[in-house]
Amino acid sequence: MYEIQITEGFNIKRRTLAPDEALERKELRQNIMAAIKFLSKKNRLAISLHYLDEMSYQEMANLLKVSISTIEGRLYRARKKLNQKISRGIGKGMRSLRE
């Protein structure tokens, strides 16, 4: 696994991750995906559209036929819930999120 870094001037550098770093990132990614399942359907959709589909707030609002402030609220609540779930998972050992 590697990490891509974009430096000033848009130079792209790849850095190979140490095995323990790669494992840690993989586990974190799995736990984030597991935590997303705990979100309401509307908040899960907001997170997916914004972070996975890279849509802007305006694009999301147009697609869902809601105001930008509604999008902001959904993303705020989703991030807050994800933060709580992941924080609790770290305290219990992250596997608890996936079980």
C-alpha atoms as a PDB file:
ATOM      1  CA  MET A   1       0.000   0.000   0.000  1.00  0.00           C
ATOM      2  CA  TYR A   2       1.211   3.496  -0.660  1.00  0.00           C
ATOM      3  CA  GLU A   3       0.307   7.072   0.119  1.00  0.00           C
ATOM      4  CA  ILE A   4       0.071   9.741  -2.539  1.00  0.00           C
ATOM      5  CA  GLN A   5       1.214  13.242  -1.628  1.00  0.00           C
ATOM      6  CA  ILE A   6       0.632  16.265  -3.820  1.00  0.00           C
ATOM      7  CA  THR A   7       3.166  18.978  -3.140  1.00  0.00           C
ATOM      8  CA  GLU A   8       3.182  22.635  -4.057  1.00  0.00           C
ATOM      9  CA  GLY A   9       3.421  22.933  -7.813  1.00  0.00           C
ATOM     10  CA  PHE A  10       1.301  19.761  -8.130  1.00  0.00           C
ATOM     11  CA  ASN A  11       4.214  17.352  -8.048  1.00  0.00           C
ATOM     12  CA  ILE A  12       2.986  13.901  -7.125  1.00  0.00           C
ATOM     13  CA  LYS A  13       5.050  11.784  -4.758  1.00  0.00           C
ATOM     14  CA  ARG A  14       4.275   8.234  -3.747  1.00  0.00           C
ATOM     15  CA  ARG A  15       5.436   6.926  -0.437  1.00  0.00           C
ATOM     16  CA  THR A  16       5.282   3.243   0.344  1.00  0.00           C
ATOM     17  CA  LEU A  17       3.647   2.661   3.693  1.00  0.00           C
ATOM     18  CA  ALA A  18       5.214   0.431   6.291  1.00  0.00           C
ATOM     19  CA  PRO A  19       3.224  -2.791   6.789  1.00  0.00           C
ATOM     20  CA  ASP A  20       1.946  -1.685  10.202  1.00  0.00           C
ATOM     21  CA  GLU A  21       0.874   1.707   8.771  1.00  0.00           C
ATOM     22  CA  ALA A  22      -0.914   0.019   5.871  1.00  0.00           C
ATOM     23  CA  LEU A  23      -2.718  -2.332   8.253  1.00  0.00           C
ATOM     24  CA  GLU A  24      -3.711   0.551  10.513  1.00  0.00           C
ATOM     25  CA  ARG A  25      -5.174   2.509   7.577  1.00  0.00           C
ATOM     26  CA  LYS A  26      -7.019  -0.542   6.303  1.00  0.00           C
ATOM     27  CA  GLU A  27      -8.570  -1.144   9.732  1.00  0.00           C
ATOM     28  CA  LEU A  28      -9.525   2.506  10.074  1.00  0.00           C
ATOM     29  CA  ARG A  29     -11.186   2.455   6.638  1.00  0.00           C
ATOM     30  CA  GLN A  30     -13.112  -0.710   7.573  1.00  0.00           C
ATOM     31  CA  ASN A  31     -14.254   0.836  10.840  1.00  0.00           C
ATOM     32  CA  ILE A  32     -15.383   4.041   9.171  1.00  0.00           C
ATOM     33  CA  MET A  33     -17.430   2.024   6.689  1.00  0.00           C
ATOM     34  CA  ALA A  34     -18.907   0.014   9.561  1.00  0.00           C
ATOM     35  CA  ALA A  35     -19.759   3.201  11.480  1.00  0.00           C
ATOM     36  CA  ILE A  36     -21.506   4.664   8.423  1.00  0.00           C
ATOM     37  CA  LYS A  37     -24.063   1.852   8.688  1.00  0.00           C
ATOM     38  CA  PHE A  38     -25.267   3.379  11.970  1.00  0.00           C
ATOM     39  CA  LEU A  39     -26.250   6.652  10.295  1.00  0.00           C
ATOM     40  CA  SER A  40     -29.782   7.462   9.221  1.00  0.00           C
ATOM     41  CA  LYS A  41     -30.503   6.915   5.542  1.00  0.00           C
ATOM     42  CA  LYS A  42     -30.451  10.679   4.816  1.00  0.00           C
ATOM     43  CA  ASN A  43     -27.169  11.259   6.652  1.00  0.00           C
ATOM     44  CA  ARG A  44     -25.565   8.172   5.108  1.00  0.00           C
ATOM     45  CA  LEU A  45     -26.558   9.467   1.662  1.00  0.00           C
ATOM     46  CA  ALA A  46     -25.084  12.905   2.429  1.00  0.00           C
ATOM     47  CA  ILE A  47     -21.770  11.383   3.519  1.00  0.00           C
ATOM     48  CA  SER A  48     -21.649   9.126   0.458  1.00  0.00           C
ATOM     49  CA  LEU A  49     -22.455  11.880  -2.014  1.00  0.00           C
ATOM     50  CA  HIS A  50     -19.994  14.339  -0.524  1.00  0.00           C
ATOM     51  CA  TYR A  51     -17.011  12.146   0.334  1.00  0.00           C
ATOM     52  CA  LEU A  52     -17.305   9.192  -2.029  1.00  0.00           C
ATOM     53  CA  ASP A  53     -18.884  10.880  -5.057  1.00  0.00           C
ATOM     54  CA  GLU A  54     -17.111  14.183  -4.317  1.00  0.00           C
ATOM     55  CA  MET A  55     -20.223  16.293  -4.884  1.00  0.00           C
ATOM     56  CA  SER A  56     -20.364  19.908  -3.752  1.00  0.00           C
ATOM     57  CA  TYR A  57     -23.017  21.107  -1.326  1.00  0.00           C
ATOM     58  CA  GLN A  58     -24.777  22.863  -4.224  1.00  0.00           C
ATOM     59  CA  GLU A  59     -24.789  19.718  -6.367  1.00  0.00           C
ATOM     60  CA  MET A  60     -26.142  17.683  -3.476  1.00  0.00           C
ATOM     61  CA  ALA A  61     -28.863  20.250  -2.737  1.00  0.00           C
ATOM     62  CA  ASN A  62     -29.931  20.267  -6.389  1.00  0.00           C
ATOM     63  CA  LEU A  63     -29.983  16.485  -6.598  1.00  0.00           C
ATOM     64  CA  LEU A  64     -31.908  15.991  -3.350  1.00  0.00           C
ATOM     65  CA  LYS A  65     -34.111  19.074  -3.850  1.00  0.00           C
ATOM     66  CA  VAL A  66     -33.245  20.531  -0.450  1.00  0.00           C
ATOM     67  CA  SER A  67     -31.485  23.698   0.706  1.00  0.00           C
ATOM     68  CA  ILE A  68     -27.745  23.959   1.196  1.00  0.00           C
ATOM     69  CA  SER A  69     -28.353  24.525   4.912  1.00  0.00           C
ATOM     70  CA  THR A  70     -30.151  21.159   5.023  1.00  0.00           C
ATOM     71  CA  ILE A  71     -27.097  19.532   3.432  1.00  0.00           C
ATOM     72  CA  GLU A  72     -24.820  21.273   5.938  1.00  0.00           C
ATOM     73  CA  GLY A  73     -26.971  20.043   8.815  1.00  0.00           C
ATOM     74  CA  ARG A  74     -27.013  16.460   7.567  1.00  0.00           C
ATOM     75  CA  LEU A  75     -23.257  16.413   7.113  1.00  0.00           C
ATOM     76  CA  TYR A  76     -22.711  17.988  10.546  1.00  0.00           C
ATOM     77  CA  ARG A  77     -24.907  15.376  12.243  1.00  0.00           C
ATOM     78  CA  ALA A  78     -23.334  12.543  10.249  1.00  0.00           C
ATOM     79  CA  ARG A  79     -19.780  13.624  11.104  1.00  0.00           C
ATOM     80  CA  LYS A  80     -20.703  14.009  14.762  1.00  0.00           C
ATOM     81  CA  LYS A  81     -22.231  10.521  14.889  1.00  0.00           C
ATOM     82  CA  LEU A  82     -19.268   8.997  13.036  1.00  0.00           C
ATOM     83  CA  ASN A  83     -16.849  10.687  15.417  1.00  0.00           C
ATOM     84  CA  GLN A  84     -18.756   9.298  18.415  1.00  0.00           C
ATOM     85  CA  LYS A  85     -18.919   5.773  16.988  1.00  0.00           C
ATOM     86  CA  ILE A  86     -15.260   5.712  16.015  1.00  0.00           C
ATOM     87  CA  SER A  87     -14.163   7.231  19.340  1.00  0.00           C
ATOM     88  CA  ARG A  88     -16.132   4.587  21.236  1.00  0.00           C
ATOM     89  CA  GLY A  89     -14.712   1.913  18.944  1.00  0.00           C
ATOM     90  CA  ILE A  90     -11.173   3.002  19.746  1.00  0.00           C
ATOM     91  CA  GLY A  91     -11.937   2.748  23.450  1.00  0.00           C
ATOM     92  CA  LYS A  92     -13.393  -0.747  23.085  1.00  0.00           C
ATOM     93  CA  GLY A  93     -11.055  -1.991  20.408  1.00  0.00           C
ATOM     94  CA  MET A  94     -12.185  -1.168  16.899  1.00  0.00           C
ATOM     95  CA  ARG A  95     -13.546  -4.613  16.147  1.00  0.00           C
ATOM     96  CA  SER A  96     -16.642  -3.758  18.190  1.00  0.00           C
ATOM     97  CA  LEU A  97     -17.906  -1.549  15.343  1.00  0.00           C
ATOM     98  CA  ARG A  98     -17.858  -4.413  12.858  1.00  0.00           C
ATOM     99  CA  GLU A  99     -19.502  -7.012  15.087  1.00  0.00           C
END
